[in-house]
Amino acid sequence: MPADLTSAAGIKTVVAATAERFGGVDILVNNSGGPAYGRFADLTDDDWRQAFEVVTLNFVRFVREVVPYMRHRQWGRIVGIQSSSVKEPVEGIDLSNGIRPGIAGLMKAIMPGLAQDGITINLVLPGSFLTPRLDPDAGRSPEEDRELQARLAPLAATIPLGRFGEPIELGSLVAFLASQQASYITGAVYQVDGGALRSNV
């Protein structure tokens, strides 16, 4: 359902409507997109406030709204889609570099209290995927797709697997983390990036 997910009221509306339709909430996959590109020296206070609203408060508000339903059932799955900047700074997106690691810290802090009620919480960090965010004109025609692939080939070459990810590869991990089979996995951070991230943790 359409809603303004930068507002507490919008998030409350989505969760309440979901619970009314399905009788509760079992799974939350939180993907708020990301803050604007920009370097530290060029960012204003408003840029930082907006990034905090989009990334941090969005996650906090959604978790706060769904947890009571999950606690009632003593079962739940929370998966936050974040960014590789949780583990390693990314050139040119200092808003993300400054804010997203805090989501991992928050997850670790609240994880024990959720775990005792059968709720798992994990983060997934996508790398480079060939989606409209990487190039808004992707997928227009086979010829234009080939041109796009050639234009992006230098970026793909920096990824150890030598290619961009397919959305289904990210989706498969999220589906697993949301399943019963992942019941012993919580507080974990998974990168899905073709080996691009060089961090040891």
C-alpha atoms as a PDB file:
ATOM      1  CA  MET A   1       0.000   0.000   0.000  1.00  0.00           C
ATOM      2  CA  PRO A   2       1.328   3.488  -0.738  1.00  0.00           C
ATOM      3  CA  ALA A   3       2.491   5.452   2.286  1.00  0.00           C
ATOM      4  CA  ASP A   4       5.060   8.049   3.332  1.00  0.00           C
ATOM      5  CA  LEU A   5       7.586   5.855   5.122  1.00  0.00           C
ATOM      6  CA  THR A   6       9.570   8.855   6.345  1.00  0.00           C
ATOM      7  CA  SER A   7       6.729   9.579   8.765  1.00  0.00           C
ATOM      8  CA  ALA A   8       5.718   7.708  11.905  1.00  0.00           C
ATOM      9  CA  ALA A   9       2.069   7.936  10.854  1.00  0.00           C
ATOM     10  CA  GLY A  10       2.780   6.349   7.462  1.00  0.00           C
ATOM     11  CA  ILE A  11       4.581   3.413   9.041  1.00  0.00           C
ATOM     12  CA  LYS A  12       1.845   2.906  11.640  1.00  0.00           C
ATOM     13  CA  THR A  13      -0.727   2.852   8.837  1.00  0.00           C
ATOM     14  CA  VAL A  14       1.159   0.207   6.830  1.00  0.00           C
ATOM     15  CA  VAL A  15       1.708  -2.088   9.815  1.00  0.00           C
ATOM     16  CA  ALA A  16      -1.851  -1.727  11.094  1.00  0.00           C
ATOM     17  CA  ALA A  17      -3.298  -2.466   7.652  1.00  0.00           C
ATOM     18  CA  THR A  18      -1.045  -5.516   7.288  1.00  0.00           C
ATOM     19  CA  ALA A  19      -2.035  -6.848  10.700  1.00  0.00           C
ATOM     20  CA  GLU A  20      -5.711  -6.301   9.947  1.00  0.00           C
ATOM     21  CA  ARG A  21      -5.506  -8.157   6.643  1.00  0.00           C
ATOM     22  CA  PHE A  22      -3.327 -11.070   7.776  1.00  0.00           C
ATOM     23  CA  GLY A  23      -4.096 -11.255  11.483  1.00  0.00           C
ATOM     24  CA  GLY A  24      -0.638 -10.152  12.575  1.00  0.00           C
ATOM     25  CA  VAL A  25       2.872  -9.549  11.294  1.00  0.00           C
ATOM     26  CA  ASP A  26       5.375 -12.411  11.072  1.00  0.00           C
ATOM     27  CA  ILE A  27       8.079 -10.973   8.821  1.00  0.00           C
ATOM     28  CA  LEU A  28       9.503  -7.502   8.298  1.00  0.00           C
ATOM     29  CA  VAL A  29      11.884  -6.856   5.412  1.00  0.00           C
ATOM     30  CA  ASN A  30      12.909  -3.225   5.834  1.00  0.00           C
ATOM     31  CA  ASN A  31      14.365  -1.573   2.738  1.00  0.00           C
ATOM     32  CA  SER A  32      14.182   2.207   2.872  1.00  0.00           C
ATOM     33  CA  GLY A  33      16.547   3.013   0.045  1.00  0.00           C
ATOM     34  CA  GLY A  34      19.478   5.238   0.809  1.00  0.00           C
ATOM     35  CA  PRO A  35      20.456   8.824   1.501  1.00  0.00           C
ATOM     36  CA  ALA A  36      21.707  11.171  -1.190  1.00  0.00           C
ATOM     37  CA  TYR A  37      25.218  10.969  -2.567  1.00  0.00           C
ATOM     38  CA  GLY A  38      27.630  13.603  -1.331  1.00  0.00           C
ATOM     39  CA  ARG A  39      30.905  14.315   0.398  1.00  0.00           C
ATOM     40  CA  PHE A  40      31.159  15.508   3.998  1.00  0.00           C
ATOM     41  CA  ALA A  41      32.248  19.073   3.179  1.00  0.00           C
ATOM     42  CA  ASP A  42      29.202  19.599   0.950  1.00  0.00           C
ATOM     43  CA  LEU A  43      26.530  18.213   3.308  1.00  0.00           C
ATOM     44  CA  THR A  44      24.178  20.463   5.267  1.00  0.00           C
ATOM     45  CA  ASP A  45      22.403  19.864   8.568  1.00  0.00           C
ATOM     46  CA  ASP A  46      19.218  19.258   6.580  1.00  0.00           C
ATOM     47  CA  ASP A  47      20.996  16.562   4.537  1.00  0.00           C
ATOM     48  CA  TRP A  48      21.993  14.783   7.752  1.00  0.00           C
ATOM     49  CA  ARG A  49      18.508  15.091   9.269  1.00  0.00           C
ATOM     50  CA  GLN A  50      16.875  13.727   6.130  1.00  0.00           C
ATOM     51  CA  ALA A  51      19.329  10.816   5.944  1.00  0.00           C
ATOM     52  CA  PHE A  52      18.681   9.960   9.604  1.00  0.00           C
ATOM     53  CA  GLU A  53      14.929  10.043   8.941  1.00  0.00           C
ATOM     54  CA  VAL A  54      15.173   7.802   5.869  1.00  0.00           C
ATOM     55  CA  VAL A  55      17.678   5.264   7.189  1.00  0.00           C
ATOM     56  CA  THR A  56      17.561   5.165  10.988  1.00  0.00           C
ATOM     57  CA  LEU A  57      14.116   6.342  12.056  1.00  0.00           C
ATOM     58  CA  ASN A  58      12.494   4.333   9.274  1.00  0.00           C
ATOM     59  CA  PHE A  59      14.084   1.149  10.641  1.00  0.00           C
ATOM     60  CA  VAL A  60      13.413   2.043  14.293  1.00  0.00           C
ATOM     61  CA  ARG A  61       9.766   2.860  13.682  1.00  0.00           C
ATOM     62  CA  PHE A  62       9.066  -0.280  11.657  1.00  0.00           C
ATOM     63  CA  VAL A  63      10.710  -2.558  14.233  1.00  0.00           C
ATOM     64  CA  ARG A  64       8.853  -0.839  17.071  1.00  0.00           C
ATOM     65  CA  GLU A  65       5.516  -1.330  15.298  1.00  0.00           C
ATOM     66  CA  VAL A  66       5.910  -5.000  14.306  1.00  0.00           C
ATOM     67  CA  VAL A  67       7.529  -6.403  17.459  1.00  0.00           C
ATOM     68  CA  PRO A  68       4.326  -6.505  19.563  1.00  0.00           C
ATOM     69  CA  TYR A  69       2.651  -8.715  16.929  1.00  0.00           C
ATOM     70  CA  MET A  70       5.696 -10.999  16.798  1.00  0.00           C
ATOM     71  CA  ARG A  71       5.934 -11.215  20.584  1.00  0.00           C
ATOM     72  CA  HIS A  72       2.267 -12.207  20.733  1.00  0.00           C
ATOM     73  CA  ARG A  73       3.045 -15.200  18.486  1.00  0.00           C
ATOM     74  CA  GLN A  74       6.511 -15.837  19.987  1.00  0.00           C
ATOM     75  CA  TRP A  75       7.883 -15.917  16.447  1.00  0.00           C
ATOM     76  CA  GLY A  76       9.156 -13.312  14.031  1.00  0.00           C
ATOM     77  CA  ARG A  77      11.756 -12.423  11.439  1.00  0.00           C
ATOM     78  CA  ILE A  78      13.251  -8.971  10.913  1.00  0.00           C
ATOM     79  CA  VAL A  79      15.614  -8.443   7.981  1.00  0.00           C
ATOM     80  CA  GLY A  80      17.096  -5.006   7.375  1.00  0.00           C
ATOM     81  CA  ILE A  81      18.438  -4.232   3.912  1.00  0.00           C
ATOM     82  CA  GLN A  82      21.314  -1.829   4.463  1.00  0.00           C
ATOM     83  CA  SER A  83      24.567  -1.125   2.584  1.00  0.00           C
ATOM     84  CA  SER A  84      28.163  -2.266   2.471  1.00  0.00           C
ATOM     85  CA  SER A  85      28.913   1.050   4.226  1.00  0.00           C
ATOM     86  CA  VAL A  86      27.867  -0.736   7.435  1.00  0.00           C
ATOM     87  CA  LYS A  87      31.222  -2.540   7.265  1.00  0.00           C
ATOM     88  CA  GLU A  88      33.385  -0.363   5.035  1.00  0.00           C
ATOM     89  CA  PRO A  89      33.160   3.278   3.890  1.00  0.00           C
ATOM     90  CA  VAL A  90      31.964   3.775   0.313  1.00  0.00           C
ATOM     91  CA  GLU A  91      33.494   6.574  -1.725  1.00  0.00           C
ATOM     92  CA  GLY A  92      31.203   9.548  -2.263  1.00  0.00           C
ATOM     93  CA  ILE A  93      28.317   8.645   0.063  1.00  0.00           C
ATOM     94  CA  ASP A  94      29.362  10.081   3.403  1.00  0.00           C
ATOM     95  CA  LEU A  95      25.766  10.279   4.663  1.00  0.00           C
ATOM     96  CA  SER A  96      25.527   6.507   4.349  1.00  0.00           C
ATOM     97  CA  ASN A  97      29.019   6.029   5.791  1.00  0.00           C
ATOM     98  CA  GLY A  98      28.082   8.114   8.815  1.00  0.00           C
ATOM     99  CA  ILE A  99      24.634   6.699   9.550  1.00  0.00           C
ATOM    100  CA  ARG A 100      24.324   3.068   8.449  1.00  0.00           C
ATOM    101  CA  PRO A 101      26.892   1.528  10.847  1.00  0.00           C
ATOM    102  CA  GLY A 102      24.640   2.704  13.695  1.00  0.00           C
ATOM    103  CA  ILE A 103      21.916   0.334  12.456  1.00  0.00           C
ATOM    104  CA  ALA A 104      24.266  -2.607  13.053  1.00  0.00           C
ATOM    105  CA  GLY A 105      24.984  -1.350  16.573  1.00  0.00           C
ATOM    106  CA  LEU A 106      21.282  -0.942  17.281  1.00  0.00           C
ATOM    107  CA  MET A 107      20.552  -4.437  15.959  1.00  0.00           C
ATOM    108  CA  LYS A 108      23.155  -5.963  18.285  1.00  0.00           C
ATOM    109  CA  ALA A 109      21.767  -4.004  21.239  1.00  0.00           C
ATOM    110  CA  ILE A 110      18.136  -5.074  20.808  1.00  0.00           C
ATOM    111  CA  MET A 111      18.795  -8.602  19.541  1.00  0.00           C
ATOM    112  CA  PRO A 112      18.913 -10.381  22.972  1.00  0.00           C
ATOM    113  CA  GLY A 113      15.542  -8.972  24.020  1.00  0.00           C
ATOM    114  CA  LEU A 114      13.982 -10.056  20.732  1.00  0.00           C
ATOM    115  CA  ALA A 115      15.599 -13.494  20.795  1.00  0.00           C
ATOM    116  CA  GLN A 116      13.951 -14.451  24.059  1.00  0.00           C
ATOM    117  CA  ASP A 117      10.598 -14.055  22.277  1.00  0.00           C
ATOM    118  CA  GLY A 118      11.555 -16.137  19.244  1.00  0.00           C
ATOM    119  CA  ILE A 119      12.282 -13.121  17.029  1.00  0.00           C
ATOM    120  CA  THR A 120      15.421 -13.023  14.885  1.00  0.00           C
ATOM    121  CA  ILE A 121      16.941  -9.853  13.462  1.00  0.00           C
ATOM    122  CA  ASN A 122      19.628  -9.737  10.770  1.00  0.00           C
ATOM    123  CA  LEU A 123      21.078  -7.283   8.258  1.00  0.00           C
ATOM    124  CA  VAL A 124      21.805  -7.852   4.567  1.00  0.00           C
ATOM    125  CA  LEU A 125      24.291  -5.640   2.732  1.00  0.00           C
ATOM    126  CA  PRO A 126      23.833  -5.539  -1.052  1.00  0.00           C
ATOM    127  CA  GLY A 127      26.762  -4.788  -3.311  1.00  0.00           C
ATOM    128  CA  SER A 128      26.401  -3.650  -6.918  1.00  0.00           C
ATOM    129  CA  PHE A 129      23.257  -4.944  -8.595  1.00  0.00           C
ATOM    130  CA  LEU A 130      22.173  -4.095 -12.132  1.00  0.00           C
ATOM    131  CA  THR A 131      18.985  -2.274 -11.169  1.00  0.00           C
ATOM    132  CA  PRO A 132      17.513   1.134 -12.066  1.00  0.00           C
ATOM    133  CA  ARG A 133      19.367   2.638  -9.086  1.00  0.00           C
ATOM    134  CA  LEU A 134      22.685   1.820 -10.794  1.00  0.00           C
ATOM    135  CA  ASP A 135      21.377   3.039 -14.147  1.00  0.00           C
ATOM    136  CA  PRO A 136      17.834   4.441 -14.542  1.00  0.00           C
ATOM    137  CA  ASP A 137      17.771   3.418 -18.223  1.00  0.00           C
ATOM    138  CA  ALA A 138      18.607  -0.258 -17.666  1.00  0.00           C
ATOM    139  CA  GLY A 139      16.494  -2.800 -19.518  1.00  0.00           C
ATOM    140  CA  ARG A 140      15.175  -0.649 -22.360  1.00  0.00           C
ATOM    141  CA  SER A 141      16.243  -2.947 -25.236  1.00  0.00           C
ATOM    142  CA  PRO A 142      18.809  -5.729 -25.847  1.00  0.00           C
ATOM    143  CA  GLU A 143      21.051  -3.347 -27.779  1.00  0.00           C
ATOM    144  CA  GLU A 144      20.880  -0.648 -25.125  1.00  0.00           C
ATOM    145  CA  ASP A 145      21.488  -3.273 -22.438  1.00  0.00           C
ATOM    146  CA  ARG A 146      24.685  -4.316 -24.235  1.00  0.00           C
ATOM    147  CA  GLU A 147      25.774  -0.673 -24.381  1.00  0.00           C
ATOM    148  CA  LEU A 148      25.036  -0.324 -20.672  1.00  0.00           C
ATOM    149  CA  GLN A 149      27.040  -3.470 -19.856  1.00  0.00           C
ATOM    150  CA  ALA A 150      29.996  -2.123 -21.870  1.00  0.00           C
ATOM    151  CA  ARG A 151      29.781   1.254 -20.117  1.00  0.00           C
ATOM    152  CA  LEU A 152      29.686  -0.380 -16.682  1.00  0.00           C
ATOM    153  CA  ALA A 153      32.323  -3.042 -17.453  1.00  0.00           C
ATOM    154  CA  PRO A 154      35.106  -1.185 -15.575  1.00  0.00           C
ATOM    155  CA  LEU A 155      32.976  -1.189 -12.408  1.00  0.00           C
ATOM    156  CA  ALA A 156      32.089  -4.867 -12.842  1.00  0.00           C
ATOM    157  CA  ALA A 157      35.790  -5.661 -13.210  1.00  0.00           C
ATOM    158  CA  THR A 158      36.430  -4.378  -9.669  1.00  0.00           C
ATOM    159  CA  ILE A 159      34.136  -7.103  -8.264  1.00  0.00           C
ATOM    160  CA  PRO A 160      36.004 -10.383  -7.624  1.00  0.00           C
ATOM    161  CA  LEU A 161      33.241 -12.432  -9.293  1.00  0.00           C
ATOM    162  CA  GLY A 162      33.522 -10.103 -12.295  1.00  0.00           C
ATOM    163  CA  ARG A 163      29.838  -9.208 -12.621  1.00  0.00           C
ATOM    164  CA  PHE A 164      26.919  -7.404 -11.041  1.00  0.00           C
ATOM    165  CA  GLY A 165      24.455  -9.225  -8.835  1.00  0.00           C
ATOM    166  CA  GLU A 166      21.029 -10.385  -9.936  1.00  0.00           C
ATOM    167  CA  PRO A 167      18.163  -9.245  -7.671  1.00  0.00           C
ATOM    168  CA  ILE A 168      17.074 -12.866  -7.141  1.00  0.00           C
ATOM    169  CA  GLU A 169      20.444 -13.602  -5.529  1.00  0.00           C
ATOM    170  CA  LEU A 170      19.714 -11.007  -2.860  1.00  0.00           C
ATOM    171  CA  GLY A 171      16.106 -12.153  -2.569  1.00  0.00           C
ATOM    172  CA  SER A 172      17.115 -15.764  -1.999  1.00  0.00           C
ATOM    173  CA  LEU A 173      19.176 -14.854   1.069  1.00  0.00           C
ATOM    174  CA  VAL A 174      16.389 -12.648   2.440  1.00  0.00           C
ATOM    175  CA  ALA A 175      13.858 -15.454   1.931  1.00  0.00           C
ATOM    176  CA  PHE A 176      16.118 -17.871   3.807  1.00  0.00           C
ATOM    177  CA  LEU A 177      16.618 -15.467   6.727  1.00  0.00           C
ATOM    178  CA  ALA A 178      12.831 -15.034   6.901  1.00  0.00           C
ATOM    179  CA  SER A 179      12.239 -18.791   7.057  1.00  0.00           C
ATOM    180  CA  GLN A 180      11.984 -21.365   9.831  1.00  0.00           C
ATOM    181  CA  GLN A 181      15.249 -22.891   8.578  1.00  0.00           C
ATOM    182  CA  ALA A 182      17.118 -19.778   9.777  1.00  0.00           C
ATOM    183  CA  SER A 183      15.820 -20.034  13.332  1.00  0.00           C
ATOM    184  CA  TYR A 184      19.338 -20.176  14.857  1.00  0.00           C
ATOM    185  CA  ILE A 185      20.640 -17.109  12.984  1.00  0.00           C
ATOM    186  CA  THR A 186      20.236 -13.727  14.644  1.00  0.00           C
ATOM    187  CA  GLY A 187      22.345 -10.606  15.073  1.00  0.00           C
ATOM    188  CA  ALA A 188      24.235 -11.421  11.874  1.00  0.00           C
ATOM    189  CA  VAL A 189      25.344  -9.170   9.026  1.00  0.00           C
ATOM    190  CA  TYR A 190      25.528 -10.707   5.536  1.00  0.00           C
ATOM    191  CA  GLN A 191      27.124  -9.104   2.516  1.00  0.00           C
ATOM    192  CA  VAL A 192      25.859 -10.047  -0.956  1.00  0.00           C
ATOM    193  CA  ASP A 193      28.405  -8.323  -3.148  1.00  0.00           C
ATOM    194  CA  GLY A 194      30.365 -10.789  -5.255  1.00  0.00           C
ATOM    195  CA  GLY A 195      33.328 -10.503  -2.875  1.00  0.00           C
ATOM    196  CA  ALA A 196      33.736  -6.726  -3.273  1.00  0.00           C
ATOM    197  CA  LEU A 197      33.846  -5.958   0.450  1.00  0.00           C
ATOM    198  CA  ARG A 198      37.344  -6.511   1.856  1.00  0.00           C
ATOM    199  CA  SER A 199      36.531  -6.084   5.552  1.00  0.00           C
ATOM    200  CA  ASN A 200      37.497  -8.961   7.869  1.00  0.00           C
ATOM    201  CA  VAL A 201      34.229  -8.727   9.824  1.00  0.00           C
END
